[in-house]
Protein backbone atom coordinates (compact mmCIF):
# COMPACT_ATOMS: atom_id res chain seq x y z
CA MET A 1 82.42 -81.39 31.82
CA THR A 2 80.65 -80.95 35.05
CA ALA A 3 77.43 -82.49 35.64
CA THR A 4 75.79 -79.40 35.77
CA GLN A 5 76.74 -78.50 32.30
CA SER A 6 76.23 -82.55 30.50
CA ARG A 7 73.00 -81.69 31.50
CA ARG A 8 72.48 -78.80 30.54
CA LYS A 9 73.81 -79.59 26.72
CA ARG A 10 71.09 -82.44 27.00
CA PHE A 11 68.59 -80.49 28.30
CA LEU A 12 69.40 -77.81 24.88
CA ALA A 13 69.41 -80.65 22.32
CA ASP A 14 66.50 -82.18 23.64
CA SER A 15 64.39 -78.50 23.51
CA SER A 16 65.73 -78.44 19.64
CA ARG A 17 62.33 -78.60 17.86
CA LEU A 18 60.85 -76.27 20.75
CA SER A 19 63.30 -73.40 18.90
CA ALA A 20 60.57 -71.78 17.01
CA LEU A 21 59.30 -70.82 20.37
CA ARG A 22 62.48 -68.75 21.20
CA ASN A 23 61.82 -66.49 18.38
CA PRO A 24 58.84 -64.17 19.82
CA ARG A 25 58.68 -62.90 16.20
CA ALA A 26 58.26 -66.11 14.04
CA VAL A 27 55.59 -67.56 16.65
CA VAL A 28 53.50 -63.88 16.43
CA GLY A 29 54.50 -63.99 12.51
CA ALA A 30 52.40 -67.80 12.40
CA ILE A 31 49.63 -66.05 15.07
CA VAL A 32 48.68 -63.44 12.46
CA LEU A 33 49.10 -65.45 9.04
CA ALA A 34 46.77 -68.11 10.37
CA SER A 35 44.32 -65.45 11.56
CA ALA A 36 44.23 -63.67 8.07
CA LEU A 37 43.73 -66.79 6.52
CA THR A 38 40.65 -67.94 8.82
CA LEU A 39 39.61 -64.37 8.26
CA THR A 40 39.88 -64.35 4.17
CA GLY A 41 38.08 -67.96 4.00
CA CYS A 42 40.81 -70.05 3.43
CA GLY A 43 40.20 -73.36 4.24
CA ALA A 44 36.39 -73.05 3.83
CA ALA A 45 34.05 -74.96 2.35
CA ASP A 46 34.73 -74.15 -1.99
CA ASP A 47 30.45 -72.78 -1.94
CA PRO A 48 29.91 -69.63 -0.91
CA ALA A 49 26.57 -70.44 0.27
CA VAL A 50 27.35 -73.41 2.85
CA ALA A 51 30.28 -71.72 4.24
CA LEU A 52 28.38 -68.01 5.07
CA ALA A 53 25.13 -71.31 5.49
CA PRO A 54 24.16 -69.83 9.69
CA THR A 55 24.59 -72.04 12.16
CA PRO A 56 20.63 -73.26 13.31
CA THR A 57 20.24 -72.25 17.16
CA GLU A 58 17.41 -74.68 18.08
CA PRO A 59 17.07 -78.39 16.94
CA GLU A 60 14.67 -79.00 14.29
CA ARG A 61 11.51 -80.38 15.60
CA VAL A 62 10.45 -83.74 14.32
CA ALA A 63 6.70 -84.49 13.55
CA VAL A 64 4.92 -86.65 16.15
CA THR A 65 3.30 -89.45 14.93
CA ASP A 66 -0.11 -91.05 16.02
CA LYS A 67 2.20 -94.24 16.19
CA GLU A 68 4.05 -92.87 18.97
CA THR A 69 1.13 -91.20 20.08
CA CYS A 70 -0.53 -94.09 20.50
CA ALA A 71 2.25 -95.89 22.11
CA GLY A 72 2.70 -93.21 24.73
CA ILE A 73 -0.93 -94.06 25.87
CA GLY A 74 0.63 -98.04 26.15
CA ASP A 75 2.42 -96.50 28.58
CA ILE A 76 -0.61 -95.21 31.17
CA ALA A 77 -2.57 -98.34 30.16
CA ALA A 78 0.46 -100.70 31.27
CA ILE A 79 0.20 -98.61 35.03
CA THR A 80 -3.70 -98.58 35.06
CA PHE A 81 -3.59 -102.47 34.08
CA ASN A 82 -1.13 -103.55 37.02
CA THR A 83 -1.76 -101.36 39.09
CA ASP A 84 -5.62 -102.96 38.93
CA ILE A 85 -4.69 -105.83 38.77
CA ALA A 86 -2.59 -106.08 41.84
CA VAL A 87 -5.18 -104.18 43.93
CA TYR A 88 -7.83 -106.75 42.74
CA GLN A 89 -5.66 -110.18 43.79
CA GLY A 90 -5.03 -107.96 47.46
CA ARG A 91 -0.66 -107.35 46.22
CA MET A 92 -1.71 -103.82 46.50
CA THR A 93 -3.34 -101.15 48.68
CA THR A 94 -5.86 -99.10 47.03
CA GLU A 95 -3.87 -96.29 47.93
CA GLU A 96 -0.59 -96.93 46.24
CA GLN A 97 -2.95 -97.62 43.27
CA GLN A 98 -4.03 -93.66 43.10
CA ASN A 99 -0.01 -93.06 43.76
CA TRP A 100 0.80 -94.51 40.57
CA TYR A 101 -2.89 -93.18 39.25
CA ARG A 102 -1.26 -89.93 39.79
CA MET A 103 1.65 -90.89 38.21
CA ALA A 104 -0.31 -91.79 35.27
CA THR A 105 -1.73 -88.56 35.09
CA ARG A 106 1.97 -87.22 34.74
CA VAL A 107 2.87 -89.36 32.10
CA LEU A 108 -0.78 -88.90 30.19
CA ASP A 109 0.82 -84.23 30.01
CA ARG A 110 3.86 -85.73 28.72
CA VAL A 111 2.46 -87.99 25.33
CA PRO A 112 3.44 -86.21 22.50
CA THR A 113 0.42 -85.13 19.42
CA SER A 114 1.05 -83.82 15.95
CA GLY A 115 -1.45 -81.44 16.86
CA ALA A 116 -3.78 -82.96 14.11
CA GLY A 117 -5.51 -86.19 13.72
CA SER A 118 -8.94 -87.88 15.68
CA VAL A 119 -5.28 -89.03 17.52
CA SER A 120 -4.64 -86.18 18.96
CA GLU A 121 -7.68 -84.64 19.40
CA ALA A 122 -9.00 -87.27 21.10
CA VAL A 123 -5.38 -87.09 23.34
CA THR A 124 -5.69 -83.92 23.94
CA ASN A 125 -8.54 -84.07 25.37
CA LEU A 126 -8.08 -87.10 28.09
CA GLN A 127 -4.55 -84.25 28.79
CA THR A 128 -7.31 -81.16 28.90
CA GLU A 129 -10.11 -84.15 31.32
CA PHE A 130 -7.33 -85.23 33.14
CA PRO A 131 -4.41 -82.62 34.10
CA PRO A 132 -1.34 -83.57 35.92
CA ILE A 133 -1.47 -83.95 39.31
CA ALA A 134 1.39 -82.47 41.35
CA PRO A 135 3.92 -85.75 43.48
CA GLY A 136 2.47 -85.55 46.91
CA GLY A 137 -1.30 -84.96 45.97
CA MET A 138 -3.89 -86.58 47.67
CA GLY A 139 -7.61 -88.02 47.44
CA ALA A 140 -8.57 -90.51 44.71
CA THR A 141 -7.93 -89.35 41.46
CA PRO A 142 -10.06 -89.38 38.51
CA ILE A 143 -8.88 -92.76 36.62
CA GLY A 144 -11.51 -95.43 36.53
CA THR A 145 -14.23 -93.47 36.59
CA ASP A 146 -17.21 -93.21 34.03
CA LYS A 147 -15.59 -90.10 33.34
CA TRP A 148 -12.37 -91.43 32.75
CA ASP A 149 -13.38 -94.57 30.72
CA THR A 150 -15.85 -92.67 28.49
CA ALA A 151 -12.47 -90.37 27.58
CA TYR A 152 -9.63 -93.19 27.01
CA SER A 153 -12.42 -95.20 25.07
CA ALA A 154 -12.31 -92.28 22.24
CA VAL A 155 -8.68 -92.30 22.43
CA TYR A 156 -8.06 -96.40 22.18
CA ASP A 157 -10.75 -96.55 19.51
CA SER A 158 -8.81 -93.47 17.50
CA CYS A 159 -5.63 -95.85 18.31
CA GLU A 160 -7.39 -98.45 16.90
CA GLU A 161 -9.05 -96.37 13.60
CA ALA A 162 -5.43 -95.22 13.05
CA GLY A 163 -3.95 -98.76 12.54
CA PHE A 164 -1.93 -98.37 16.06
CA PRO A 165 -3.94 -99.82 18.11
CA ILE A 166 -2.29 -99.86 22.10
CA GLU A 167 -0.53 -102.18 23.05
CA THR A 168 0.36 -103.01 27.11
CA TRP A 169 1.78 -105.90 29.15
CA GLY A 170 1.62 -107.37 32.52
CA PHE A 171 5.00 -107.22 34.45
CA THR A 172 3.18 -107.20 38.12
CA GLY A 173 2.13 -111.17 40.10
CA GLY A 174 3.34 -114.16 39.32
């Protein structure tokens, strides 16, 4: 036996597990059988209602709580608190502070509300009165003005009354 014949014999022996693929009728038959079983519902859930239940196309909306809304306002408080302290201590310029305030208006715009109750009403009012300032915007922001302080105080009070006081933390300085 030549080397070529020997390699061919080993190849055929090793590929014996693929013998079904050598017969196209067997492959086509297996595909047809699998398709027929799938179309007739073989392998589906025992409960036809479960098997025919539509697949949701959108994720379910989860209700927003006052706790989550007040936590979002806490992020704005952290931005303003830390920048105010940094300016007061001379570690930040007012120009940088105003840029942080601009970002705070964009964070405010993303705070979710439930759409009902005093917390949602106060936050929606704050969002309406102080819309997000686009990146690159110039000039002073309304944060820190009397109008801001009045609207922000209403949010602070509503969160406090709902049992979710606004929390913030200092992270600048030494």
